Amino acid sequence: VYLQMNSLKPEDTATYYCAAKPNFVVGVRDGYNYWGQGTQ
């Protein structure tokens, strides 16, 4: 999975994490049970 980030702003500064969950788990913004370690 990719995240193309354009027109970056200082407010975008953060550790970014990839997450995943089975398709049958309801919800778009929550309920993720698998996580990466993050990239700064």
PDB file of all heavy atoms in Angstrom:
ATOM      1  N   VAL A   1       0.856  -1.173   0.000  1.00  0.00           N
ATOM      2  CA  VAL A   1       0.000   0.000   0.000  1.00  0.00           C
ATOM      3  C   VAL A   1       0.897   1.229   0.000  1.00  0.00           C
ATOM      4  O   VAL A   1       1.963   1.227   0.626  1.00  0.00           O
ATOM      5  CB  VAL A   1      -0.970  -0.001   1.203  1.00  0.00           C
ATOM      6  CG1 VAL A   1      -0.212  -0.085   2.523  1.00  0.00           C
ATOM      7  CG2 VAL A   1      -1.861   1.226   1.178  1.00  0.00           C
ATOM      8  N   TYR A   2       0.467   2.268  -0.704  1.00  0.00           N
ATOM      9  CA  TYR A   2       1.255   3.483  -0.846  1.00  0.00           C
ATOM     10  C   TYR A   2       0.483   4.684  -0.326  1.00  0.00           C
ATOM     11  O   TYR A   2      -0.742   4.707  -0.314  1.00  0.00           O
ATOM     12  CB  TYR A   2       1.607   3.739  -2.309  1.00  0.00           C
ATOM     13  CG  TYR A   2       2.307   2.595  -2.992  1.00  0.00           C
ATOM     14  CD1 TYR A   2       1.595   1.668  -3.743  1.00  0.00           C
ATOM     15  CD2 TYR A   2       3.691   2.443  -2.898  1.00  0.00           C
ATOM     16  CE1 TYR A   2       2.235   0.617  -4.380  1.00  0.00           C
ATOM     17  CE2 TYR A   2       4.338   1.398  -3.525  1.00  0.00           C
ATOM     18  CZ  TYR A   2       3.605   0.486  -4.267  1.00  0.00           C
ATOM     19  OH  TYR A   2       4.248  -0.553  -4.899  1.00  0.00           O
ATOM     20  N   LEU A   3       1.219   5.685   0.073  1.00  0.00           N
ATOM     21  CA  LEU A   3       0.640   6.983   0.376  1.00  0.00           C
ATOM     22  C   LEU A   3       1.488   8.036  -0.322  1.00  0.00           C
ATOM     23  O   LEU A   3       2.612   8.306   0.098  1.00  0.00           O
ATOM     24  CB  LEU A   3       0.587   7.255   1.878  1.00  0.00           C
ATOM     25  CG  LEU A   3      -0.121   8.547   2.279  1.00  0.00           C
ATOM     26  CD1 LEU A   3      -1.616   8.456   1.968  1.00  0.00           C
ATOM     27  CD2 LEU A   3       0.091   8.851   3.763  1.00  0.00           C
ATOM     28  N   GLN A   4       0.950   8.591  -1.397  1.00  0.00           N
ATOM     29  CA  GLN A   4       1.614   9.673  -2.109  1.00  0.00           C
ATOM     30  C   GLN A   4       1.223  10.981  -1.439  1.00  0.00           C
ATOM     31  O   GLN A   4       0.045  11.316  -1.367  1.00  0.00           O
ATOM     32  CB  GLN A   4       1.205   9.682  -3.576  1.00  0.00           C
ATOM     33  CG  GLN A   4       1.833  10.809  -4.391  1.00  0.00           C
ATOM     34  CD  GLN A   4       3.326  10.681  -4.521  1.00  0.00           C
ATOM     35  OE1 GLN A   4       3.827   9.605  -4.836  1.00  0.00           O
ATOM     36  NE2 GLN A   4       4.048  11.760  -4.270  1.00  0.00           N
ATOM     37  N   MET A   5       2.199  11.715  -0.956  1.00  0.00           N
ATOM     38  CA  MET A   5       1.961  12.946  -0.222  1.00  0.00           C
ATOM     39  C   MET A   5       2.559  14.105  -1.001  1.00  0.00           C
ATOM     40  O   MET A   5       3.776  14.176  -1.185  1.00  0.00           O
ATOM     41  CB  MET A   5       2.560  12.870   1.181  1.00  0.00           C
ATOM     42  CG  MET A   5       2.082  11.665   1.989  1.00  0.00           C
ATOM     43  SD  MET A   5       2.688  11.677   3.696  1.00  0.00           S
ATOM     44  CE  MET A   5       4.442  11.477   3.400  1.00  0.00           C
ATOM     45  N   ASN A   6       1.701  15.000  -1.452  1.00  0.00           N
ATOM     46  CA  ASN A   6       2.120  16.176  -2.196  1.00  0.00           C
ATOM     47  C   ASN A   6       1.790  17.435  -1.412  1.00  0.00           C
ATOM     48  O   ASN A   6       0.976  17.418  -0.499  1.00  0.00           O
ATOM     49  CB  ASN A   6       1.433  16.222  -3.561  1.00  0.00           C
ATOM     50  CG  ASN A   6       1.755  15.039  -4.434  1.00  0.00           C
ATOM     51  OD1 ASN A   6       2.871  14.518  -4.414  1.00  0.00           O
ATOM     52  ND2 ASN A   6       0.778  14.600  -5.230  1.00  0.00           N
ATOM     53  N   SER A   7       2.413  18.528  -1.808  1.00  0.00           N
ATOM     54  CA  SER A   7       2.172  19.823  -1.164  1.00  0.00           C
ATOM     55  C   SER A   7       2.264  19.717   0.346  1.00  0.00           C
ATOM     56  O   SER A   7       1.402  20.195   1.083  1.00  0.00           O
ATOM     57  CB  SER A   7       0.803  20.371  -1.584  1.00  0.00           C
ATOM     58  OG  SER A   7       0.721  20.524  -2.985  1.00  0.00           O
ATOM     59  N   LEU A   8       3.310  19.099   0.808  1.00  0.00           N
ATOM     60  CA  LEU A   8       3.459  18.839   2.232  1.00  0.00           C
ATOM     61  C   LEU A   8       3.593  20.131   3.029  1.00  0.00           C
ATOM     62  O   LEU A   8       4.189  21.104   2.569  1.00  0.00           O
ATOM     63  CB  LEU A   8       4.659  17.941   2.484  1.00  0.00           C
ATOM     64  CG  LEU A   8       4.416  16.462   2.180  1.00  0.00           C
ATOM     65  CD1 LEU A   8       5.736  15.716   2.033  1.00  0.00           C
ATOM     66  CD2 LEU A   8       3.567  15.834   3.281  1.00  0.00           C
ATOM     67  N   LYS A   9       3.020  20.093   4.221  1.00  0.00           N
ATOM     68  CA  LYS A   9       3.027  21.222   5.130  1.00  0.00           C
ATOM     69  C   LYS A   9       3.727  20.826   6.422  1.00  0.00           C
ATOM     70  O   LYS A   9       3.766  19.647   6.775  1.00  0.00           O
ATOM     71  CB  LYS A   9       1.595  21.658   5.453  1.00  0.00           C
ATOM     72  CG  LYS A   9       0.742  21.984   4.244  1.00  0.00           C
ATOM     73  CD  LYS A   9      -0.692  22.279   4.663  1.00  0.00           C
ATOM     74  CE  LYS A   9      -1.569  22.589   3.473  1.00  0.00           C
ATOM     75  NZ  LYS A   9      -2.970  22.863   3.880  1.00  0.00           N
ATOM     76  N   PRO A  10       4.266  21.790   7.152  1.00  0.00           N
ATOM     77  CA  PRO A  10       4.863  21.446   8.447  1.00  0.00           C
ATOM     78  C   PRO A  10       3.900  20.711   9.371  1.00  0.00           C
ATOM     79  O   PRO A  10       4.343  19.870  10.164  1.00  0.00           O
ATOM     80  CB  PRO A  10       5.248  22.817   9.018  1.00  0.00           C
ATOM     81  CG  PRO A  10       5.514  23.646   7.812  1.00  0.00           C
ATOM     82  CD  PRO A  10       4.490  23.195   6.796  1.00  0.00           C
ATOM     83  N   GLU A  11       2.615  20.985   9.260  1.00  0.00           N
ATOM     84  CA  GLU A  11       1.607  20.313  10.069  1.00  0.00           C
ATOM     85  C   GLU A  11       1.497  18.824   9.763  1.00  0.00           C
ATOM     86  O   GLU A  11       0.888  18.078  10.533  1.00  0.00           O
ATOM     87  CB  GLU A  11       0.227  20.958   9.875  1.00  0.00           C
ATOM     88  CG  GLU A  11       0.200  22.457  10.110  1.00  0.00           C
ATOM     89  CD  GLU A  11       0.465  23.238   8.840  1.00  0.00           C
ATOM     90  OE1 GLU A  11      -0.502  23.539   8.108  1.00  0.00           O
ATOM     91  OE2 GLU A  11       1.646  23.557   8.588  1.00  0.00           O
ATOM     92  N   ASP A  12       2.056  18.378   8.643  1.00  0.00           N
ATOM     93  CA  ASP A  12       2.048  16.963   8.295  1.00  0.00           C
ATOM     94  C   ASP A  12       3.151  16.184   8.998  1.00  0.00           C
ATOM     95  O   ASP A  12       3.208  14.957   8.887  1.00  0.00           O
ATOM     96  CB  ASP A  12       2.203  16.779   6.782  1.00  0.00           C
ATOM     97  CG  ASP A  12       1.046  17.365   5.996  1.00  0.00           C
ATOM     98  OD1 ASP A  12      -0.115  17.183   6.418  1.00  0.00           O
ATOM     99  OD2 ASP A  12       1.310  18.002   4.959  1.00  0.00           O
ATOM    100  N   THR A  13       4.027  16.873   9.687  1.00  0.00           N
ATOM    101  CA  THR A  13       5.114  16.214  10.405  1.00  0.00           C
ATOM    102  C   THR A  13       4.553  15.248  11.442  1.00  0.00           C
ATOM    103  O   THR A  13       3.774  15.636  12.308  1.00  0.00           O
ATOM    104  CB  THR A  13       6.015  17.246  11.081  1.00  0.00           C
ATOM    105  OG1 THR A  13       6.657  18.047  10.082  1.00  0.00           O
ATOM    106  CG2 THR A  13       7.081  16.570  11.928  1.00  0.00           C
ATOM    107  N   ALA A  14       4.947  13.990  11.337  1.00  0.00           N
ATOM    108  CA  ALA A  14       4.435  12.959  12.232  1.00  0.00           C
ATOM    109  C   ALA A  14       5.105  11.638  11.902  1.00  0.00           C
ATOM    110  O   ALA A  14       5.786  11.501  10.885  1.00  0.00           O
ATOM    111  CB  ALA A  14       2.918  12.817  12.091  1.00  0.00           C
ATOM    112  N   THR A  15       4.878  10.669  12.771  1.00  0.00           N
ATOM    113  CA  THR A  15       5.207   9.293  12.446  1.00  0.00           C
ATOM    114  C   THR A  15       3.997   8.688  11.747  1.00  0.00           C
ATOM    115  O   THR A  15       2.884   8.750  12.267  1.00  0.00           O
ATOM    116  CB  THR A  15       5.556   8.488  13.700  1.00  0.00           C
ATOM    117  OG1 THR A  15       6.684   9.080  14.348  1.00  0.00           O
ATOM    118  CG2 THR A  15       5.904   7.049  13.334  1.00  0.00           C
ATOM    119  N   TYR A  16       4.208   8.120  10.577  1.00  0.00           N
ATOM    120  CA  TYR A  16       3.121   7.561   9.785  1.00  0.00           C
ATOM    121  C   TYR A  16       3.112   6.046   9.916  1.00  0.00           C
ATOM    122  O   TYR A  16       4.146   5.389   9.762  1.00  0.00           O
ATOM    123  CB  TYR A  16       3.261   7.967   8.317  1.00  0.00           C
ATOM    124  CG  TYR A  16       2.841   9.394   8.072  1.00  0.00           C
ATOM    125  CD1 TYR A  16       3.613  10.453   8.534  1.00  0.00           C
ATOM    126  CD2 TYR A  16       1.657   9.682   7.401  1.00  0.00           C
ATOM    127  CE1 TYR A  16       3.211  11.761   8.333  1.00  0.00           C
ATOM    128  CE2 TYR A  16       1.254  10.989   7.190  1.00  0.00           C
ATOM    129  CZ  TYR A  16       2.036  12.029   7.661  1.00  0.00           C
ATOM    130  OH  TYR A  16       1.637  13.332   7.449  1.00  0.00           O
ATOM    131  N   TYR A  17       1.932   5.503  10.189  1.00  0.00           N
ATOM    132  CA  TYR A  17       1.761   4.078  10.417  1.00  0.00           C
ATOM    133  C   TYR A  17       0.840   3.467   9.371  1.00  0.00           C
ATOM    134  O   TYR A  17      -0.205   4.025   9.046  1.00  0.00           O
ATOM    135  CB  TYR A  17       1.154   3.816  11.800  1.00  0.00           C
ATOM    136  CG  TYR A  17       2.006   4.277  12.952  1.00  0.00           C
ATOM    137  CD1 TYR A  17       1.877   5.557  13.466  1.00  0.00           C
ATOM    138  CD2 TYR A  17       2.938   3.416  13.532  1.00  0.00           C
ATOM    139  CE1 TYR A  17       2.651   5.983  14.534  1.00  0.00           C
ATOM    140  CE2 TYR A  17       3.711   3.833  14.598  1.00  0.00           C
ATOM    141  CZ  TYR A  17       3.561   5.119  15.094  1.00  0.00           C
ATOM    142  OH  TYR A  17       4.331   5.525  16.158  1.00  0.00           O
ATOM    143  N   CYS A  18       1.213   2.320   8.881  1.00  0.00           N
ATOM    144  CA  CYS A  18       0.358   1.510   8.035  1.00  0.00           C
ATOM    145  C   CYS A  18      -0.471   0.587   8.917  1.00  0.00           C
ATOM    146  O   CYS A  18       0.016   0.088   9.934  1.00  0.00           O
ATOM    147  CB  CYS A  18       1.219   0.701   7.062  1.00  0.00           C
ATOM    148  SG  CYS A  18       0.307  -0.350   5.920  1.00  0.00           S
ATOM    149  N   ALA A  19      -1.722   0.374   8.538  1.00  0.00           N
ATOM    150  CA  ALA A  19      -2.603  -0.488   9.307  1.00  0.00           C
ATOM    151  C   ALA A  19      -3.463  -1.335   8.373  1.00  0.00           C
ATOM    152  O   ALA A  19      -3.692  -0.971   7.217  1.00  0.00           O
ATOM    153  CB  ALA A  19      -3.501   0.346  10.225  1.00  0.00           C
ATOM    154  N   ALA A  20      -3.951  -2.456   8.892  1.00  0.00           N
ATOM    155  CA  ALA A  20      -4.790  -3.346   8.100  1.00  0.00           C
ATOM    156  C   ALA A  20      -5.783  -4.069   8.990  1.00  0.00           C
ATOM    157  O   ALA A  20      -5.549  -4.247  10.191  1.00  0.00           O
ATOM    158  CB  ALA A  20      -3.937  -4.356   7.337  1.00  0.00           C
ATOM    159  N   LYS A  21      -6.896  -4.472   8.395  1.00  0.00           N
ATOM    160  CA  LYS A  21      -7.881  -5.291   9.078  1.00  0.00           C
ATOM    161  C   LYS A  21      -8.630  -6.113   8.046  1.00  0.00           C
ATOM    162  O   LYS A  21      -8.731  -5.714   6.885  1.00  0.00           O
ATOM    163  CB  LYS A  21      -8.851  -4.442   9.899  1.00  0.00           C
ATOM    164  CG  LYS A  21      -9.706  -3.491   9.092  1.00  0.00           C
ATOM    165  CD  LYS A  21     -10.638  -2.701  10.010  1.00  0.00           C
ATOM    166  CE  LYS A  21     -11.480  -1.720   9.222  1.00  0.00           C
ATOM    167  NZ  LYS A  21     -12.391  -0.966  10.141  1.00  0.00           N
ATOM    168  N   PRO A  22      -9.185  -7.259   8.443  1.00  0.00           N
ATOM    169  CA  PRO A  22      -9.957  -8.063   7.501  1.00  0.00           C
ATOM    170  C   PRO A  22     -11.129  -7.274   6.933  1.00  0.00           C
ATOM    171  O   PRO A  22     -11.713  -6.423   7.611  1.00  0.00           O
ATOM    172  CB  PRO A  22     -10.448  -9.247   8.345  1.00  0.00           C
ATOM    173  CG  PRO A  22      -9.443  -9.353   9.447  1.00  0.00           C
ATOM    174  CD  PRO A  22      -9.059  -7.928   9.748  1.00  0.00           C
ATOM    175  N   ASN A  23     -11.488  -7.563   5.701  1.00  0.00           N
ATOM    176  CA  ASN A  23     -12.563  -6.837   5.034  1.00  0.00           C
ATOM    177  C   ASN A  23     -13.888  -6.941   5.768  1.00  0.00           C
ATOM    178  O   ASN A  23     -14.718  -6.024   5.673  1.00  0.00           O
ATOM    179  CB  ASN A  23     -12.734  -7.340   3.602  1.00  0.00           C
ATOM    180  CG  ASN A  23     -11.582  -6.957   2.699  1.00  0.00           C
ATOM    181  OD1 ASN A  23     -10.980  -5.901   2.859  1.00  0.00           O
ATOM    182  ND2 ASN A  23     -11.281  -7.823   1.738  1.00  0.00           N
ATOM    183  N   PHE A  24     -14.120  -8.023   6.502  1.00  0.00           N
ATOM    184  CA  PHE A  24     -15.406  -8.205   7.164  1.00  0.00           C
ATOM    185  C   PHE A  24     -15.537  -7.381   8.444  1.00  0.00           C
ATOM    186  O   PHE A  24     -16.625  -7.328   9.023  1.00  0.00           O
ATOM    187  CB  PHE A  24     -15.666  -9.688   7.469  1.00  0.00           C
ATOM    188  CG  PHE A  24     -14.633 -10.365   8.326  1.00  0.00           C
ATOM    189  CD1 PHE A  24     -14.616 -10.174   9.697  1.00  0.00           C
ATOM    190  CD2 PHE A  24     -13.690 -11.204   7.754  1.00  0.00           C
ATOM    191  CE1 PHE A  24     -13.678 -10.796  10.495  1.00  0.00           C
ATOM    192  CE2 PHE A  24     -12.744 -11.838   8.540  1.00  0.00           C
ATOM    193  CZ  PHE A  24     -12.733 -11.634   9.908  1.00  0.00           C
ATOM    194  N   VAL A  25     -14.464  -6.756   8.904  1.00  0.00           N
ATOM    195  CA  VAL A  25     -14.536  -5.900  10.080  1.00  0.00           C
ATOM    196  C   VAL A  25     -15.093  -4.550   9.666  1.00  0.00           C
ATOM    197  O   VAL A  25     -14.527  -3.868   8.814  1.00  0.00           O
ATOM    198  CB  VAL A  25     -13.157  -5.743  10.742  1.00  0.00           C
ATOM    199  CG1 VAL A  25     -13.244  -4.778  11.924  1.00  0.00           C
ATOM    200  CG2 VAL A  25     -12.636  -7.091  11.199  1.00  0.00           C
ATOM    201  N   VAL A  26     -16.189  -4.152  10.298  1.00  0.00           N
ATOM    202  CA  VAL A  26     -16.895  -2.931   9.929  1.00  0.00           C
ATOM    203  C   VAL A  26     -16.106  -1.699  10.355  1.00  0.00           C
ATOM    204  O   VAL A  26     -15.474  -1.686  11.425  1.00  0.00           O
ATOM    205  CB  VAL A  26     -18.299  -2.908  10.562  1.00  0.00           C
ATOM    206  CG1 VAL A  26     -19.009  -1.590  10.286  1.00  0.00           C
ATOM    207  CG2 VAL A  26     -19.121  -4.072  10.040  1.00  0.00           C
ATOM    208  N   GLY A  27     -16.161  -0.678   9.528  1.00  0.00           N
ATOM    209  CA  GLY A  27     -15.537   0.587   9.859  1.00  0.00           C
ATOM    210  C   GLY A  27     -14.416   0.954   8.905  1.00  0.00           C
ATOM    211  O   GLY A  27     -13.702   0.082   8.393  1.00  0.00           O
ATOM    212  N   VAL A  28     -14.257   2.251   8.674  1.00  0.00           N
ATOM    213  CA  VAL A  28     -13.211   2.765   7.795  1.00  0.00           C
ATOM    214  C   VAL A  28     -12.082   3.388   8.592  1.00  0.00           C
ATOM    215  O   VAL A  28     -10.900   3.189   8.281  1.00  0.00           O
ATOM    216  CB  VAL A  28     -13.786   3.784   6.802  1.00  0.00           C
ATOM    217  CG1 VAL A  28     -12.672   4.438   5.988  1.00  0.00           C
ATOM    218  CG2 VAL A  28     -14.797   3.117   5.879  1.00  0.00           C
ATOM    219  N   ARG A  29     -12.437   4.149   9.625  1.00  0.00           N
ATOM    220  CA  ARG A  29     -11.452   4.910  10.378  1.00  0.00           C
ATOM    221  C   ARG A  29     -11.008   4.265  11.681  1.00  0.00           C
ATOM    222  O   ARG A  29     -10.166   4.835  12.386  1.00  0.00           O
ATOM    223  CB  ARG A  29     -12.001   6.312  10.675  1.00  0.00           C
ATOM    224  CG  ARG A  29     -12.320   7.100   9.420  1.00  0.00           C
ATOM    225  CD  ARG A  29     -12.582   8.554   9.720  1.00  0.00           C
ATOM    226  NE  ARG A  29     -12.727   9.328   8.498  1.00  0.00           N
ATOM    227  CZ  ARG A  29     -12.479  10.617   8.394  1.00  0.00           C
ATOM    228  NH1 ARG A  29     -12.070  11.306   9.456  1.00  0.00           N
ATOM    229  NH2 ARG A  29     -12.649  11.246   7.237  1.00  0.00           N
ATOM    230  N   ASP A  30     -11.548   3.111  12.008  1.00  0.00           N
ATOM    231  CA  ASP A  30     -11.160   2.433  13.238  1.00  0.00           C
ATOM    232  C   ASP A  30     -11.281   0.928  13.063  1.00  0.00           C
ATOM    233  O   ASP A  30     -11.675   0.432  12.018  1.00  0.00           O
ATOM    234  CB  ASP A  30     -11.982   2.926  14.431  1.00  0.00           C
ATOM    235  CG  ASP A  30     -13.480   2.765  14.221  1.00  0.00           C
ATOM    236  OD1 ASP A  30     -13.899   2.085  13.263  1.00  0.00           O
ATOM    237  OD2 ASP A  30     -14.240   3.336  15.020  1.00  0.00           O
ATOM    238  N   GLY A  31     -10.917   0.195  14.084  1.00  0.00           N
ATOM    239  CA  GLY A  31     -11.029  -1.248  14.072  1.00  0.00           C
ATOM    240  C   GLY A  31      -9.838  -1.984  13.488  1.00  0.00           C
ATOM    241  O   GLY A  31      -9.897  -3.197  13.298  1.00  0.00           O
ATOM    242  N   TYR A  32      -8.762  -1.275  13.211  1.00  0.00           N
ATOM    243  CA  TYR A  32      -7.577  -1.913  12.621  1.00  0.00           C
ATOM    244  C   TYR A  32      -6.803  -2.682  13.688  1.00  0.00           C
ATOM    245  O   TYR A  32      -6.536  -2.147  14.772  1.00  0.00           O
ATOM    246  CB  TYR A  32      -6.687  -0.868  11.954  1.00  0.00           C
ATOM    247  CG  TYR A  32      -7.356  -0.252  10.759  1.00  0.00           C
ATOM    248  CD1 TYR A  32      -8.192   0.851  10.896  1.00  0.00           C
ATOM    249  CD2 TYR A  32      -7.173  -0.790   9.489  1.00  0.00           C
ATOM    250  CE1 TYR A  32      -8.836   1.398   9.798  1.00  0.00           C
ATOM    251  CE2 TYR A  32      -7.810  -0.246   8.388  1.00  0.00           C
ATOM    252  CZ  TYR A  32      -8.640   0.847   8.552  1.00  0.00           C
ATOM    253  OH  TYR A  32      -9.280   1.387   7.455  1.00  0.00           O
ATOM    254  N   ASN A  33      -6.448  -3.899  13.364  1.00  0.00           N
ATOM    255  CA  ASN A  33      -5.804  -4.767  14.339  1.00  0.00           C
ATOM    256  C   ASN A  33      -4.372  -5.145  13.987  1.00  0.00           C
ATOM    257  O   ASN A  33      -3.697  -5.805  14.790  1.00  0.00           O
ATOM    258  CB  ASN A  33      -6.638  -6.028  14.575  1.00  0.00           C
ATOM    259  CG  ASN A  33      -6.941  -6.797  13.297  1.00  0.00           C
ATOM    260  OD1 ASN A  33      -6.897  -6.254  12.193  1.00  0.00           O
ATOM    261  ND2 ASN A  33      -7.269  -8.073  13.444  1.00  0.00           N
ATOM    262  N   TYR A  34      -3.904  -4.750  12.810  1.00  0.00           N
ATOM    263  CA  TYR A  34      -2.518  -4.982  12.425  1.00  0.00           C
ATOM    264  C   TYR A  34      -1.854  -3.647  12.141  1.00  0.00           C
ATOM    265  O   TYR A  34      -2.411  -2.810  11.422  1.00  0.00           O
ATOM    266  CB  TYR A  34      -2.429  -5.902  11.204  1.00  0.00           C
ATOM    267  CG  TYR A  34      -3.041  -7.262  11.429  1.00  0.00           C
ATOM    268  CD1 TYR A  34      -4.237  -7.614  10.823  1.00  0.00           C
ATOM    269  CD2 TYR A  34      -2.427  -8.193  12.256  1.00  0.00           C
ATOM    270  CE1 TYR A  34      -4.802  -8.855  11.033  1.00  0.00           C
ATOM    271  CE2 TYR A  34      -2.989  -9.436  12.471  1.00  0.00           C
ATOM    272  CZ  TYR A  34      -4.173  -9.761  11.853  1.00  0.00           C
ATOM    273  OH  TYR A  34      -4.733 -11.005  12.065  1.00  0.00           O
ATOM    274  N   TRP A  35      -0.661  -3.472  12.685  1.00  0.00           N
ATOM    275  CA  TRP A  35       0.029  -2.183  12.596  1.00  0.00           C
ATOM    276  C   TRP A  35       1.500  -2.358  12.278  1.00  0.00           C
ATOM    277  O   TRP A  35       2.140  -3.300  12.745  1.00  0.00           O
ATOM    278  CB  TRP A  35      -0.087  -1.419  13.920  1.00  0.00           C
ATOM    279  CG  TRP A  35      -1.487  -1.034  14.265  1.00  0.00           C
ATOM    280  CD1 TRP A  35      -2.407  -1.783  14.926  1.00  0.00           C
ATOM    281  CD2 TRP A  35      -2.131   0.202  13.950  1.00  0.00           C
ATOM    282  NE1 TRP A  35      -3.591  -1.089  15.046  1.00  0.00           N
ATOM    283  CE2 TRP A  35      -3.443   0.128  14.461  1.00  0.00           C
ATOM    284  CE3 TRP A  35      -1.718   1.365  13.299  1.00  0.00           C
ATOM    285  CZ2 TRP A  35      -4.357   1.181  14.328  1.00  0.00           C
ATOM    286  CZ3 TRP A  35      -2.616   2.410  13.160  1.00  0.00           C
ATOM    287  CH2 TRP A  35      -3.914   2.303  13.679  1.00  0.00           C
ATOM    288  N   GLY A  36       2.030  -1.424  11.496  1.00  0.00           N
ATOM    289  CA  GLY A  36       3.461  -1.365  11.276  1.00  0.00           C
ATOM    290  C   GLY A  36       4.146  -0.592  12.382  1.00  0.00           C
ATOM    291  O   GLY A  36       3.514  -0.085  13.312  1.00  0.00           O
ATOM    292  N   GLN A  37       5.461  -0.479  12.283  1.00  0.00           N
ATOM    293  CA  GLN A  37       6.249   0.205  13.297  1.00  0.00           C
ATOM    294  C   GLN A  37       6.345   1.710  13.068  1.00  0.00           C
ATOM    295  O   GLN A  37       6.748   2.448  13.967  1.00  0.00           O
ATOM    296  CB  GLN A  37       7.655  -0.394  13.368  1.00  0.00           C
ATOM    297  CG  GLN A  37       7.674  -1.843  13.837  1.00  0.00           C
ATOM    298  CD  GLN A  37       7.110  -1.996  15.229  1.00  0.00           C
ATOM    299  OE1 GLN A  37       7.512  -1.293  16.161  1.00  0.00           O
ATOM    300  NE2 GLN A  37       6.162  -2.914  15.385  1.00  0.00           N
ATOM    301  N   GLY A  38       5.983   2.172  11.884  1.00  0.00           N
ATOM    302  CA  GLY A  38       5.967   3.588  11.598  1.00  0.00           C
ATOM    303  C   GLY A  38       7.189   4.069  10.846  1.00  0.00           C
ATOM    304  O   GLY A  38       8.266   3.484  10.931  1.00  0.00           O
ATOM    305  N   THR A  39       7.008   5.152  10.106  1.00  0.00           N
ATOM    306  CA  THR A  39       8.099   5.820   9.417  1.00  0.00           C
ATOM    307  C   THR A  39       7.944   7.322   9.630  1.00  0.00           C
ATOM    308  O   THR A  39       6.844   7.864   9.544  1.00  0.00           O
ATOM    309  CB  THR A  39       8.128   5.461   7.913  1.00  0.00           C
ATOM    310  OG1 THR A  39       9.276   6.037   7.292  1.00  0.00           O
ATOM    311  CG2 THR A  39       6.869   5.926   7.193  1.00  0.00           C
ATOM    312  N   GLN A  40       9.033   7.984   9.933  1.00  0.00           N
ATOM    313  CA  GLN A  40       8.986   9.395  10.303  1.00  0.00           C
ATOM    314  C   GLN A  40       8.963  10.294   9.071  1.00  0.00           C
ATOM    315  O   GLN A  40       9.768  10.133   8.152  1.00  0.00           O
ATOM    316  CB  GLN A  40      10.183   9.755  11.186  1.00  0.00           C
ATOM    317  CG  GLN A  40      10.249  11.228  11.599  1.00  0.00           C
ATOM    318  CD  GLN A  40       9.112  11.624  12.516  1.00  0.00           C
ATOM    319  OE1 GLN A  40       8.683  10.833  13.349  1.00  0.00           O
ATOM    320  NE2 GLN A  40       8.619  12.844  12.361  1.00  0.00           N
TER     321      GLN A  40
END
